[in-house]
């Protein structure tokens, strides 16, 4: 029983680290998207829409993983008590 509790605590710590990394990655992607989608650009041909699309897809994946990880973390913490 004690071994299971230690493993559970280790998994919780691991999930918290993953969550931190993904939140940092998402923040960086948001900054990148803001930079690429320059609203002050007069010539729309200079907007890098392909890079914007890729960054937006990566941000979506990141946010999805954050939500999933947060749910796993809540379940494990509730189980641990």
N, C-alpha and C. Protein backbone atom coordinates (compact mmCIF):
# COMPACT_ATOMS: atom_id res chain seq x y z
N UNK A 1 0.82 -1.19 0.00
CA UNK A 1 0.00 0.00 0.00
C UNK A 1 0.87 1.26 0.00
N UNK A 2 1.88 1.27 0.82
CA UNK A 2 2.78 2.43 0.89
C UNK A 2 3.46 2.66 -0.45
N UNK A 3 3.85 1.59 -1.12
CA UNK A 3 4.51 1.68 -2.42
C UNK A 3 3.57 2.34 -3.44
N UNK A 4 2.29 1.98 -3.39
CA UNK A 4 1.32 2.55 -4.32
C UNK A 4 1.15 4.05 -4.08
N UNK A 5 1.14 4.45 -2.83
CA UNK A 5 1.02 5.87 -2.49
C UNK A 5 2.23 6.65 -3.00
N UNK A 6 3.41 6.09 -2.84
CA UNK A 6 4.62 6.74 -3.34
C UNK A 6 4.60 6.86 -4.86
N UNK A 7 4.15 5.81 -5.53
CA UNK A 7 4.04 5.85 -6.99
C UNK A 7 3.03 6.91 -7.42
N UNK A 8 1.93 7.00 -6.71
CA UNK A 8 0.90 7.98 -7.02
C UNK A 8 1.43 9.40 -6.83
N UNK A 9 2.15 9.62 -5.74
CA UNK A 9 2.74 10.94 -5.50
C UNK A 9 3.77 11.28 -6.57
N UNK A 10 4.52 10.30 -7.00
CA UNK A 10 5.48 10.51 -8.08
C UNK A 10 4.80 10.89 -9.39
N UNK A 11 3.69 10.21 -9.68
CA UNK A 11 2.93 10.52 -10.89
C UNK A 11 2.33 11.92 -10.83
N UNK A 12 1.85 12.32 -9.66
CA UNK A 12 1.31 13.67 -9.48
C UNK A 12 2.40 14.71 -9.73
N UNK A 13 3.58 14.47 -9.20
CA UNK A 13 4.70 15.39 -9.42
C UNK A 13 5.04 15.47 -10.90
N UNK A 14 5.06 14.33 -11.55
CA UNK A 14 5.35 14.27 -12.99
C UNK A 14 4.30 15.05 -13.79
N UNK A 15 3.03 14.89 -13.45
CA UNK A 15 1.97 15.60 -14.15
C UNK A 15 2.06 17.11 -13.94
N UNK A 16 2.43 17.51 -12.74
CA UNK A 16 2.61 18.95 -12.46
C UNK A 16 3.74 19.53 -13.32
N UNK A 17 4.81 18.78 -13.48
CA UNK A 17 5.92 19.25 -14.32
C UNK A 17 5.49 19.35 -15.78
N UNK A 18 4.76 18.36 -16.26
CA UNK A 18 4.26 18.38 -17.63
C UNK A 18 3.34 19.58 -17.82
N UNK A 19 2.49 19.84 -16.84
CA UNK A 19 1.57 20.96 -16.90
C UNK A 19 2.33 22.28 -16.98
N UNK A 20 3.36 22.43 -16.16
CA UNK A 20 4.19 23.64 -16.20
C UNK A 20 4.84 23.83 -17.56
N UNK A 21 5.39 22.76 -18.11
CA UNK A 21 6.05 22.83 -19.42
C UNK A 21 5.07 23.22 -20.51
N UNK A 22 3.90 22.62 -20.49
CA UNK A 22 2.90 22.91 -21.52
C UNK A 22 2.35 24.32 -21.41
N UNK A 23 2.19 24.82 -20.18
CA UNK A 23 1.73 26.19 -20.00
C UNK A 23 2.77 27.19 -20.49
N UNK A 24 4.03 26.88 -20.25
CA UNK A 24 5.10 27.73 -20.76
C UNK A 24 5.14 27.70 -22.28
N UNK A 25 4.99 26.51 -22.85
CA UNK A 25 4.97 26.36 -24.31
C UNK A 25 3.80 27.13 -24.91
N UNK A 26 2.63 27.04 -24.28
CA UNK A 26 1.44 27.75 -24.77
C UNK A 26 1.65 29.26 -24.71
N UNK A 27 2.25 29.74 -23.65
CA UNK A 27 2.54 31.18 -23.53
C UNK A 27 3.45 31.65 -24.65
N UNK A 28 4.47 30.86 -24.94
CA UNK A 28 5.39 31.19 -26.02
C UNK A 28 4.70 31.20 -27.37
N UNK A 29 3.81 30.25 -27.58
CA UNK A 29 3.07 30.19 -28.85
C UNK A 29 2.13 31.39 -29.00
N UNK A 30 1.52 31.80 -27.91
CA UNK A 30 0.64 32.98 -27.96
C UNK A 30 1.43 34.22 -28.34
N UNK A 31 2.59 34.37 -27.75
CA UNK A 31 3.46 35.51 -28.10
C UNK A 31 3.86 35.44 -29.56
N UNK A 32 4.21 34.25 -30.02
CA UNK A 32 4.60 34.07 -31.42
C UNK A 32 3.44 34.40 -32.36
N UNK A 33 2.25 33.96 -32.03
CA UNK A 33 1.07 34.22 -32.86
C UNK A 33 0.79 35.72 -32.91
N UNK A 34 0.88 36.38 -31.78
CA UNK A 34 0.67 37.84 -31.75
C UNK A 34 1.69 38.56 -32.63
N UNK A 35 2.90 38.06 -32.59
CA UNK A 35 3.96 38.67 -33.40
C UNK A 35 3.71 38.45 -34.89
N UNK A 36 3.30 37.24 -35.24
CA UNK A 36 3.08 36.92 -36.65
C UNK A 36 1.83 37.61 -37.21
N UNK A 37 0.81 37.78 -36.39
CA UNK A 37 -0.44 38.41 -36.83
C UNK A 37 -0.39 39.89 -36.48
N UNK A 38 0.55 40.58 -37.04
CA UNK A 38 0.76 42.00 -36.77
C UNK A 38 -0.41 42.83 -37.30
N UNK A 39 -1.23 43.41 -36.41
CA UNK A 39 -2.38 44.18 -36.87
C UNK A 39 -2.00 45.52 -37.50
N UNK A 40 -0.76 45.92 -37.32
CA UNK A 40 -0.32 47.20 -37.85
C UNK A 40 0.36 47.07 -39.21
N UNK A 41 0.43 45.85 -39.71
CA UNK A 41 1.03 45.62 -41.03
C UNK A 41 0.07 46.14 -42.09
N UNK A 42 0.57 47.05 -42.92
CA UNK A 42 -0.27 47.64 -43.97
C UNK A 42 -0.43 46.71 -45.16
N UNK A 43 0.59 45.95 -45.47
CA UNK A 43 0.57 45.05 -46.62
C UNK A 43 0.30 43.63 -46.12
N UNK A 44 -0.89 43.14 -46.37
CA UNK A 44 -1.29 41.82 -45.86
C UNK A 44 -0.50 40.68 -46.48
N UNK A 45 0.20 40.94 -47.56
CA UNK A 45 1.02 39.89 -48.16
C UNK A 45 2.24 39.58 -47.31
N UNK A 46 2.55 40.46 -46.36
CA UNK A 46 3.68 40.23 -45.46
C UNK A 46 3.30 39.38 -44.24
N UNK A 47 1.99 39.16 -44.06
CA UNK A 47 1.54 38.32 -42.94
C UNK A 47 1.92 36.87 -43.26
N UNK A 48 2.55 36.23 -42.32
CA UNK A 48 3.02 34.85 -42.51
C UNK A 48 1.92 33.89 -42.07
N UNK A 49 0.92 33.74 -42.94
CA UNK A 49 -0.28 32.97 -42.59
C UNK A 49 0.02 31.48 -42.40
N UNK A 50 0.98 30.95 -43.15
CA UNK A 50 1.30 29.53 -43.00
C UNK A 50 1.90 29.27 -41.61
N UNK A 51 2.81 30.13 -41.19
CA UNK A 51 3.40 29.99 -39.86
C UNK A 51 2.35 30.21 -38.78
N UNK A 52 1.43 31.14 -39.03
CA UNK A 52 0.33 31.38 -38.09
C UNK A 52 -0.52 30.13 -37.92
N UNK A 53 -0.82 29.50 -39.03
CA UNK A 53 -1.64 28.29 -39.01
C UNK A 53 -0.96 27.19 -38.21
N UNK A 54 0.31 26.99 -38.43
CA UNK A 54 1.07 25.97 -37.72
C UNK A 54 1.11 26.27 -36.22
N UNK A 55 1.39 27.53 -35.89
CA UNK A 55 1.45 27.93 -34.48
C UNK A 55 0.10 27.77 -33.80
N UNK A 56 -0.97 28.10 -34.51
CA UNK A 56 -2.31 27.97 -33.94
C UNK A 56 -2.65 26.49 -33.70
N UNK A 57 -2.25 25.62 -34.62
CA UNK A 57 -2.49 24.19 -34.45
C UNK A 57 -1.71 23.67 -33.24
N UNK A 58 -0.45 24.09 -33.12
CA UNK A 58 0.37 23.67 -31.98
C UNK A 58 -0.22 24.19 -30.67
N UNK A 59 -0.74 25.41 -30.68
CA UNK A 59 -1.36 25.98 -29.49
C UNK A 59 -2.60 25.17 -29.11
N UNK A 60 -3.39 24.80 -30.10
CA UNK A 60 -4.58 23.99 -29.84
C UNK A 60 -4.20 22.65 -29.21
N UNK A 61 -3.18 22.00 -29.75
CA UNK A 61 -2.71 20.73 -29.20
C UNK A 61 -2.22 20.90 -27.76
N UNK A 62 -1.52 22.00 -27.54
CA UNK A 62 -0.97 22.29 -26.21
C UNK A 62 -2.10 22.51 -25.20
N UNK A 63 -3.09 23.29 -25.57
CA UNK A 63 -4.21 23.57 -24.67
C UNK A 63 -5.00 22.29 -24.39
N UNK A 64 -5.18 21.46 -25.41
CA UNK A 64 -5.87 20.19 -25.23
C UNK A 64 -5.11 19.31 -24.23
N UNK A 65 -3.79 19.27 -24.36
CA UNK A 65 -2.99 18.48 -23.44
C UNK A 65 -3.03 19.06 -22.02
N UNK A 66 -3.07 20.38 -21.90
CA UNK A 66 -3.17 21.02 -20.59
C UNK A 66 -4.48 20.61 -19.92
N UNK A 67 -5.57 20.63 -20.68
CA UNK A 67 -6.87 20.25 -20.12
C UNK A 67 -6.86 18.79 -19.67
N UNK A 68 -6.32 17.92 -20.51
CA UNK A 68 -6.27 16.50 -20.19
C UNK A 68 -5.41 16.25 -18.94
N UNK A 69 -4.26 16.87 -18.90
CA UNK A 69 -3.34 16.70 -17.78
C UNK A 69 -3.95 17.24 -16.50
N UNK A 70 -4.64 18.37 -16.58
CA UNK A 70 -5.28 18.95 -15.41
C UNK A 70 -6.35 18.01 -14.85
N UNK A 71 -7.13 17.40 -15.74
CA UNK A 71 -8.15 16.45 -15.30
C UNK A 71 -7.51 15.23 -14.63
N UNK A 72 -6.44 14.70 -15.22
CA UNK A 72 -5.74 13.56 -14.63
C UNK A 72 -5.22 13.93 -13.24
N UNK A 73 -4.65 15.11 -13.14
CA UNK A 73 -4.08 15.57 -11.88
C UNK A 73 -5.17 15.70 -10.81
N UNK A 74 -6.31 16.25 -11.18
CA UNK A 74 -7.42 16.39 -10.22
C UNK A 74 -7.90 15.02 -9.74
N UNK A 75 -8.03 14.07 -10.67
CA UNK A 75 -8.48 12.73 -10.31
C UNK A 75 -7.52 12.05 -9.34
N UNK A 76 -6.22 12.15 -9.66
CA UNK A 76 -5.22 11.50 -8.81
C UNK A 76 -5.15 12.15 -7.43
N UNK A 77 -5.24 13.48 -7.39
CA UNK A 77 -5.19 14.18 -6.10
C UNK A 77 -6.43 13.84 -5.28
N UNK A 78 -7.58 13.72 -5.92
CA UNK A 78 -8.80 13.36 -5.20
C UNK A 78 -8.70 11.93 -4.67
N UNK A 79 -8.12 11.05 -5.47
CA UNK A 79 -7.94 9.66 -5.05
C UNK A 79 -6.99 9.57 -3.86
N UNK A 80 -5.94 10.39 -3.91
CA UNK A 80 -4.95 10.39 -2.83
C UNK A 80 -5.55 10.97 -1.54
N UNK A 81 -6.41 11.94 -1.74
CA UNK A 81 -7.11 12.53 -0.57
C UNK A 81 -6.37 13.66 -0.06
